[in-house]
Amino acid sequence: MKLHGGRFADPAGVASEREAEMGRVVDRVTRWAGNRSDVVGLLLVGSLARGAARPDSDVDLVVLSTAPARYAEDDGWAREPALGEVVRVRTRGSVTEWRYVTASGLEGAVVIGSAHWARTDPVDAGTRRVVTDGARPLYDPAGILGALLEACG
């Protein structure tokens, strides 16, 4: 998959239409994040970030915000990047996971938390698992995600 300057390998077995849709979702969320003053990081994680997406893969993103509570219960934010229908919202520790499905059936998750999620002294065990399973910074104006990836490397 060629997203953001060709940084990702082509996913094996993923139809070109699905590949294009995955790319559009990532692009929309990246633009959205860049236009939000409270967003300090956006990370693509999982199989898509590893370049190992399959036809049934979803798009998994981590958004780090200085005001994560504003996303905890109101799904109005999800309409801005046009993610599709929100099918589940779940709080997992200090983050909130928003699961969505697009009209074509592409599934995804946006996990929203504070910049504390990316702390490196020490790196949280759960954060380390997410990062080492595949992670690509998409928006990192202060370099906190780059530092996290380096600490987990």
Protein backbone atom coordinates (compact mmCIF):
# COMPACT_ATOMS: atom_id res chain seq x y z
CA MET A 1 0.00 0.00 0.00
CA LYS A 2 1.45 3.32 -0.98
CA LEU A 3 0.44 5.79 1.70
CA HIS A 4 2.10 9.13 2.39
CA GLY A 5 5.01 9.01 0.00
CA GLY A 6 5.19 5.25 -0.51
CA ARG A 7 6.28 4.39 3.04
CA PHE A 8 4.28 1.15 3.15
CA ALA A 9 4.66 -2.08 1.23
CA ASP A 10 1.82 -3.34 -0.95
CA PRO A 11 -0.49 -5.58 1.09
CA ALA A 12 -0.70 -9.10 -0.30
CA GLY A 13 -4.11 -10.22 -1.49
CA VAL A 14 -5.89 -6.94 -0.79
CA ALA A 15 -8.14 -5.84 -3.65
CA SER A 16 -7.14 -2.52 -5.17
CA GLU A 17 -10.50 -0.99 -4.18
CA ARG A 18 -10.00 -1.96 -0.54
CA GLU A 19 -6.39 -0.81 -0.61
CA ALA A 20 -7.52 2.56 -1.95
CA GLU A 21 -10.21 2.83 0.72
CA MET A 22 -7.69 2.06 3.47
CA GLY A 23 -5.47 4.79 2.07
CA ARG A 24 -8.33 7.29 1.96
CA VAL A 25 -9.24 6.59 5.60
CA VAL A 26 -5.63 7.08 6.70
CA ASP A 27 -5.33 10.27 4.63
CA ARG A 28 -8.58 11.73 6.03
CA VAL A 29 -7.64 11.03 9.64
CA THR A 30 -4.12 12.39 9.07
CA ARG A 31 -5.52 15.65 7.65
CA TRP A 32 -8.04 15.83 10.50
CA ALA A 33 -5.30 15.33 13.11
CA GLY A 34 -3.11 18.00 11.54
CA ASN A 35 -5.96 20.51 11.80
CA ARG A 36 -6.67 19.88 15.50
CA SER A 37 -4.74 22.02 17.98
CA ASP A 38 -5.17 19.39 20.72
CA VAL A 39 -3.80 16.44 18.68
CA VAL A 40 -0.11 15.89 19.38
CA GLY A 41 0.32 12.56 17.62
CA LEU A 42 -1.24 10.09 15.19
CA LEU A 43 0.08 6.56 14.88
CA LEU A 44 -0.94 3.86 12.39
CA VAL A 45 -0.62 0.48 14.12
CA GLY A 46 -1.12 -3.21 13.37
CA SER A 47 -0.96 -5.12 10.11
CA LEU A 48 -1.35 -2.09 7.87
CA ALA A 49 1.59 -0.38 9.59
CA ARG A 50 3.66 -3.57 9.18
CA GLY A 51 2.86 -3.74 5.45
CA ALA A 52 1.13 -7.08 6.08
CA ALA A 53 -2.52 -6.17 5.56
CA ARG A 54 -4.89 -8.92 4.43
CA PRO A 55 -8.34 -8.62 2.83
CA ASP A 56 -9.95 -8.78 6.29
CA SER A 57 -7.54 -6.31 7.94
CA ASP A 58 -8.86 -3.19 9.58
CA VAL A 59 -7.36 0.29 9.91
CA ASP A 60 -6.06 0.85 13.45
CA LEU A 61 -5.02 4.32 14.57
CA VAL A 62 -3.87 5.85 17.85
CA VAL A 63 -4.62 9.55 18.41
CA LEU A 64 -2.81 11.35 21.21
CA SER A 65 -4.45 14.52 22.48
CA THR A 66 -3.91 17.17 25.13
CA ALA A 67 -7.67 16.96 25.76
CA PRO A 68 -8.65 13.28 25.37
CA ALA A 69 -11.74 13.65 27.57
CA ARG A 70 -13.43 15.67 24.80
CA TYR A 71 -13.55 12.46 22.72
CA ALA A 72 -14.68 10.10 25.46
CA GLU A 73 -18.44 10.22 24.91
CA ASP A 74 -19.33 12.47 21.98
CA ASP A 75 -18.96 10.92 18.53
CA GLY A 76 -19.29 14.28 16.76
CA TRP A 77 -15.54 14.31 16.14
CA ALA A 78 -15.79 11.07 14.10
CA ARG A 79 -17.98 12.76 11.48
CA GLU A 80 -15.18 15.19 10.57
CA PRO A 81 -12.85 12.56 9.04
CA ALA A 82 -15.90 10.59 7.79
CA LEU A 83 -14.99 7.28 9.40
CA GLY A 84 -18.37 5.63 8.90
CA GLU A 85 -20.79 4.23 11.45
CA VAL A 86 -19.54 4.04 15.02
CA VAL A 87 -20.37 0.51 16.20
CA ARG A 88 -18.71 0.43 19.62
CA VAL A 89 -17.08 2.73 22.11
CA ARG A 90 -15.04 1.18 24.89
CA THR A 91 -12.80 2.63 27.56
CA ARG A 92 -9.65 0.61 28.07
CA GLY A 93 -7.65 1.99 30.95
CA SER A 94 -6.61 5.53 30.04
CA VAL A 95 -7.74 5.37 26.40
CA THR A 96 -11.06 5.25 24.59
CA GLU A 97 -11.45 2.96 21.58
CA TRP A 98 -13.90 3.95 18.85
CA ARG A 99 -14.73 1.06 16.45
CA TYR A 100 -16.31 2.00 13.15
CA VAL A 101 -17.43 0.41 9.89
CA THR A 102 -17.52 2.17 6.53
CA ALA A 103 -20.36 1.71 4.04
CA SER A 104 -18.29 -0.90 2.17
CA GLY A 105 -17.64 -2.90 5.35
CA LEU A 106 -14.08 -1.76 6.09
CA GLU A 107 -13.60 -1.88 9.84
CA GLY A 108 -11.33 0.26 11.90
CA ALA A 109 -10.48 1.49 15.34
CA VAL A 110 -9.37 4.87 16.57
CA VAL A 111 -7.90 4.74 20.05
CA ILE A 112 -7.73 8.15 21.72
CA GLY A 113 -5.59 8.92 24.72
CA SER A 114 -3.28 11.49 26.20
CA ALA A 115 0.32 12.08 25.23
CA HIS A 116 1.17 10.21 28.43
CA TRP A 117 0.43 6.99 26.47
CA ALA A 118 3.69 7.62 24.59
CA ARG A 119 5.90 8.23 27.62
CA THR A 120 9.31 6.62 27.38
CA ASP A 121 10.54 6.64 30.97
CA PRO A 122 9.48 3.92 31.28
CA VAL A 123 7.49 2.69 28.26
CA ASP A 124 4.23 1.10 29.42
CA ALA A 125 4.11 -2.64 28.66
CA GLY A 126 0.82 -2.32 26.75
CA THR A 127 2.14 0.58 24.70
CA ARG A 128 5.28 -1.42 23.92
CA ARG A 129 3.17 -4.35 22.65
CA VAL A 130 1.19 -2.07 20.34
CA VAL A 131 4.31 -0.38 18.98
CA THR A 132 6.38 -3.53 18.47
CA ASP A 133 3.48 -5.19 16.63
CA GLY A 134 3.80 -2.53 13.92
CA ALA A 135 3.63 1.24 14.15
CA ARG A 136 4.11 4.14 11.74
CA PRO A 137 3.87 7.77 12.86
CA LEU A 138 1.55 9.72 10.57
CA TYR A 139 1.53 13.01 12.47
CA ASP A 140 4.22 13.77 15.03
CA PRO A 141 4.88 17.51 15.24
CA ALA A 142 6.78 17.37 18.55
CA GLY A 143 8.60 14.08 17.89
CA ILE A 144 6.99 12.18 20.78
CA LEU A 145 6.07 9.22 18.59
CA GLY A 146 9.53 9.09 17.06
CA ALA A 147 11.01 8.99 20.57
CA LEU A 148 8.57 6.23 21.53
CA LEU A 149 9.49 4.10 18.52
CA GLU A 150 13.17 4.60 19.27
CA ALA A 151 12.65 3.57 22.91
CA CYS A 152 10.80 0.45 21.79
CA GLY A 153 13.29 -0.42 19.03
